[in-house]
Amino acid sequence: MSDSVKLNWRSPVVVIVVGGFFLLLLIIVLVVCLCKLF
């Protein structure tokens, strides 16, 4: 099972999904900060 987990984590699709999720989270935080400023 450990081998399949390593392969899944190394797959580009997982990297893209995780990266996109963090990018979306960062954008939401920036928007909230801007709304609080204005």
PDB file of N, CA and C in Angstrom:
ATOM      1  N   MET A   1       0.829  -1.208   0.000  1.00  0.00           N
ATOM      2  CA  MET A   1       0.000   0.000   0.000  1.00  0.00           C
ATOM      3  C   MET A   1       0.866   1.262   0.000  1.00  0.00           C
ATOM      4  N   SER A   2       2.019   1.201   0.665  1.00  0.00           N
ATOM      5  CA  SER A   2       2.888   2.375   0.732  1.00  0.00           C
ATOM      6  C   SER A   2       3.380   2.774  -0.661  1.00  0.00           C
ATOM      7  N   ASP A   3       3.646   1.784  -1.529  1.00  0.00           N
ATOM      8  CA  ASP A   3       4.118   2.099  -2.880  1.00  0.00           C
ATOM      9  C   ASP A   3       3.043   2.867  -3.649  1.00  0.00           C
ATOM     10  N   SER A   4       1.782   2.424  -3.550  1.00  0.00           N
ATOM     11  CA  SER A   4       0.707   3.103  -4.280  1.00  0.00           C
ATOM     12  C   SER A   4       0.520   4.519  -3.746  1.00  0.00           C
ATOM     13  N   VAL A   5       0.682   4.701  -2.435  1.00  0.00           N
ATOM     14  CA  VAL A   5       0.541   6.044  -1.858  1.00  0.00           C
ATOM     15  C   VAL A   5       1.628   6.956  -2.404  1.00  0.00           C
ATOM     16  N   LYS A   6       2.858   6.466  -2.483  1.00  0.00           N
ATOM     17  CA  LYS A   6       3.962   7.270  -3.012  1.00  0.00           C
ATOM     18  C   LYS A   6       3.689   7.650  -4.472  1.00  0.00           C
ATOM     19  N   LEU A   7       3.195   6.694  -5.266  1.00  0.00           N
ATOM     20  CA  LEU A   7       2.909   6.976  -6.665  1.00  0.00           C
ATOM     21  C   LEU A   7       1.811   8.029  -6.775  1.00  0.00           C
ATOM     22  N   ASN A   8       0.780   7.927  -5.928  1.00  0.00           N
ATOM     23  CA  ASN A   8      -0.318   8.893  -5.988  1.00  0.00           C
ATOM     24  C   ASN A   8       0.179  10.293  -5.658  1.00  0.00           C
ATOM     25  N   TRP A   9       1.048  10.396  -4.635  1.00  0.00           N
ATOM     26  CA  TRP A   9       1.547  11.715  -4.240  1.00  0.00           C
ATOM     27  C   TRP A   9       2.485  12.295  -5.298  1.00  0.00           C
ATOM     28  N   ARG A  10       3.123  11.428  -6.070  1.00  0.00           N
ATOM     29  CA  ARG A  10       4.057  11.938  -7.089  1.00  0.00           C
ATOM     30  C   ARG A  10       3.347  12.266  -8.394  1.00  0.00           C
ATOM     31  N   SER A  11       2.089  11.853  -8.537  1.00  0.00           N
ATOM     32  CA  SER A  11       1.383  12.101  -9.799  1.00  0.00           C
ATOM     33  C   SER A  11       1.133  13.601  -9.974  1.00  0.00           C
ATOM     34  N   PRO A  12       1.284  14.105 -11.189  1.00  0.00           N
ATOM     35  CA  PRO A  12       1.114  15.556 -11.424  1.00  0.00           C
ATOM     36  C   PRO A  12      -0.297  16.042 -11.131  1.00  0.00           C
ATOM     37  N   VAL A  13      -1.297  15.175 -11.296  1.00  0.00           N
ATOM     38  CA  VAL A  13      -2.685  15.598 -11.052  1.00  0.00           C
ATOM     39  C   VAL A  13      -2.866  15.992  -9.592  1.00  0.00           C
ATOM     40  N   VAL A  14      -2.301  15.186  -8.681  1.00  0.00           N
ATOM     41  CA  VAL A  14      -2.425  15.493  -7.248  1.00  0.00           C
ATOM     42  C   VAL A  14      -1.721  16.803  -6.935  1.00  0.00           C
ATOM     43  N   VAL A  15      -0.541  17.005  -7.533  1.00  0.00           N
ATOM     44  CA  VAL A  15       0.214  18.242  -7.293  1.00  0.00           C
ATOM     45  C   VAL A  15      -0.586  19.453  -7.770  1.00  0.00           C
ATOM     46  N   ILE A  16      -1.221  19.333  -8.949  1.00  0.00           N
ATOM     47  CA  ILE A  16      -2.007  20.446  -9.500  1.00  0.00           C
ATOM     48  C   ILE A  16      -3.210  20.742  -8.611  1.00  0.00           C
ATOM     49  N   VAL A  17      -3.890  19.692  -8.145  1.00  0.00           N
ATOM     50  CA  VAL A  17      -5.077  19.884  -7.301  1.00  0.00           C
ATOM     51  C   VAL A  17      -4.694  20.559  -5.989  1.00  0.00           C
ATOM     52  N   VAL A  18      -3.617  20.061  -5.357  1.00  0.00           N
ATOM     53  CA  VAL A  18      -3.185  20.646  -4.076  1.00  0.00           C
ATOM     54  C   VAL A  18      -2.718  22.090  -4.281  1.00  0.00           C
ATOM     55  N   GLY A  19      -1.954  22.329  -5.342  1.00  0.00           N
ATOM     56  CA  GLY A  19      -1.478  23.684  -5.617  1.00  0.00           C
ATOM     57  C   GLY A  19      -2.634  24.631  -5.904  1.00  0.00           C
ATOM     58  N   GLY A  20      -3.613  24.173  -6.679  1.00  0.00           N
ATOM     59  CA  GLY A  20      -4.783  24.999  -6.978  1.00  0.00           C
ATOM     60  C   GLY A  20      -5.576  25.317  -5.726  1.00  0.00           C
ATOM     61  N   PHE A  21      -5.685  24.332  -4.824  1.00  0.00           N
ATOM     62  CA  PHE A  21      -6.428  24.548  -3.573  1.00  0.00           C
ATOM     63  C   PHE A  21      -5.759  25.630  -2.729  1.00  0.00           C
ATOM     64  N   PHE A  22      -4.421  25.554  -2.618  1.00  0.00           N
ATOM     65  CA  PHE A  22      -3.704  26.555  -1.819  1.00  0.00           C
ATOM     66  C   PHE A  22      -3.762  27.930  -2.487  1.00  0.00           C
ATOM     67  N   LEU A  23      -3.720  27.963  -3.827  1.00  0.00           N
ATOM     68  CA  LEU A  23      -3.822  29.245  -4.528  1.00  0.00           C
ATOM     69  C   LEU A  23      -5.179  29.881  -4.268  1.00  0.00           C
ATOM     70  N   LEU A  24      -6.244  29.059  -4.330  1.00  0.00           N
ATOM     71  CA  LEU A  24      -7.593  29.565  -4.082  1.00  0.00           C
ATOM     72  C   LEU A  24      -7.710  30.098  -2.662  1.00  0.00           C
ATOM     73  N   LEU A  25      -7.133  29.364  -1.712  1.00  0.00           N
ATOM     74  CA  LEU A  25      -7.173  29.791  -0.306  1.00  0.00           C
ATOM     75  C   LEU A  25      -6.441  31.127  -0.137  1.00  0.00           C
ATOM     76  N   LEU A  26      -5.289  31.264  -0.803  1.00  0.00           N
ATOM     77  CA  LEU A  26      -4.509  32.504  -0.711  1.00  0.00           C
ATOM     78  C   LEU A  26      -5.288  33.679  -1.297  1.00  0.00           C
ATOM     79  N   ILE A  27      -5.962  33.459  -2.431  1.00  0.00           N
ATOM     80  CA  ILE A  27      -6.750  34.522  -3.064  1.00  0.00           C
ATOM     81  C   ILE A  27      -7.887  34.956  -2.143  1.00  0.00           C
ATOM     82  N   ILE A  28      -8.556  33.982  -1.494  1.00  0.00           N
ATOM     83  CA  ILE A  28      -9.662  34.305  -0.583  1.00  0.00           C
ATOM     84  C   ILE A  28      -9.149  35.162   0.571  1.00  0.00           C
ATOM     85  N   VAL A  29      -7.992  34.786   1.125  1.00  0.00           N
ATOM     86  CA  VAL A  29      -7.423  35.554   2.246  1.00  0.00           C
ATOM     87  C   VAL A  29      -7.093  36.981   1.802  1.00  0.00           C
ATOM     88  N   LEU A  30      -6.529  37.125   0.605  1.00  0.00           N
ATOM     89  CA  LEU A  30      -6.189  38.464   0.110  1.00  0.00           C
ATOM     90  C   LEU A  30      -7.441  39.307  -0.087  1.00  0.00           C
ATOM     91  N   VAL A  31      -8.503  38.705  -0.630  1.00  0.00           N
ATOM     92  CA  VAL A  31      -9.760  39.437  -0.851  1.00  0.00           C
ATOM     93  C   VAL A  31     -10.352  39.890   0.477  1.00  0.00           C
ATOM     94  N   VAL A  32     -10.324  39.009   1.475  1.00  0.00           N
ATOM     95  CA  VAL A  32     -10.864  39.366   2.800  1.00  0.00           C
ATOM     96  C   VAL A  32     -10.063  40.522   3.399  1.00  0.00           C
ATOM     97  N   CYS A  33      -8.742  40.484   3.258  1.00  0.00           N
ATOM     98  CA  CYS A  33      -7.894  41.559   3.795  1.00  0.00           C
ATOM     99  C   CYS A  33      -8.205  42.880   3.094  1.00  0.00           C
ATOM    100  N   LEU A  34      -8.398  42.838   1.776  1.00  0.00           N
ATOM    101  CA  LEU A  34      -8.715  44.058   1.033  1.00  0.00           C
ATOM    102  C   LEU A  34     -10.069  44.604   1.460  1.00  0.00           C
ATOM    103  N   CYS A  35     -11.043  43.724   1.676  1.00  0.00           N
ATOM    104  CA  CYS A  35     -12.376  44.165   2.107  1.00  0.00           C
ATOM    105  C   CYS A  35     -12.292  44.829   3.474  1.00  0.00           C
ATOM    106  N   LYS A  36     -11.447  44.304   4.355  1.00  0.00           N
ATOM    107  CA  LYS A  36     -11.305  44.898   5.688  1.00  0.00           C
ATOM    108  C   LYS A  36     -10.611  46.256   5.600  1.00  0.00           C
ATOM    109  N   LEU A  37      -9.682  46.412   4.655  1.00  0.00           N
ATOM    110  CA  LEU A  37      -8.979  47.690   4.504  1.00  0.00           C
ATOM    111  C   LEU A  37      -9.943  48.767   4.005  1.00  0.00           C
ATOM    112  N   PHE A  38     -10.770  48.414   3.013  1.00  0.00           N
ATOM    113  CA  PHE A  38     -11.720  49.370   2.447  1.00  0.00           C
ATOM    114  C   PHE A  38     -13.090  49.135   3.061  1.00  0.00           C
TER     115      PHE A  38
END
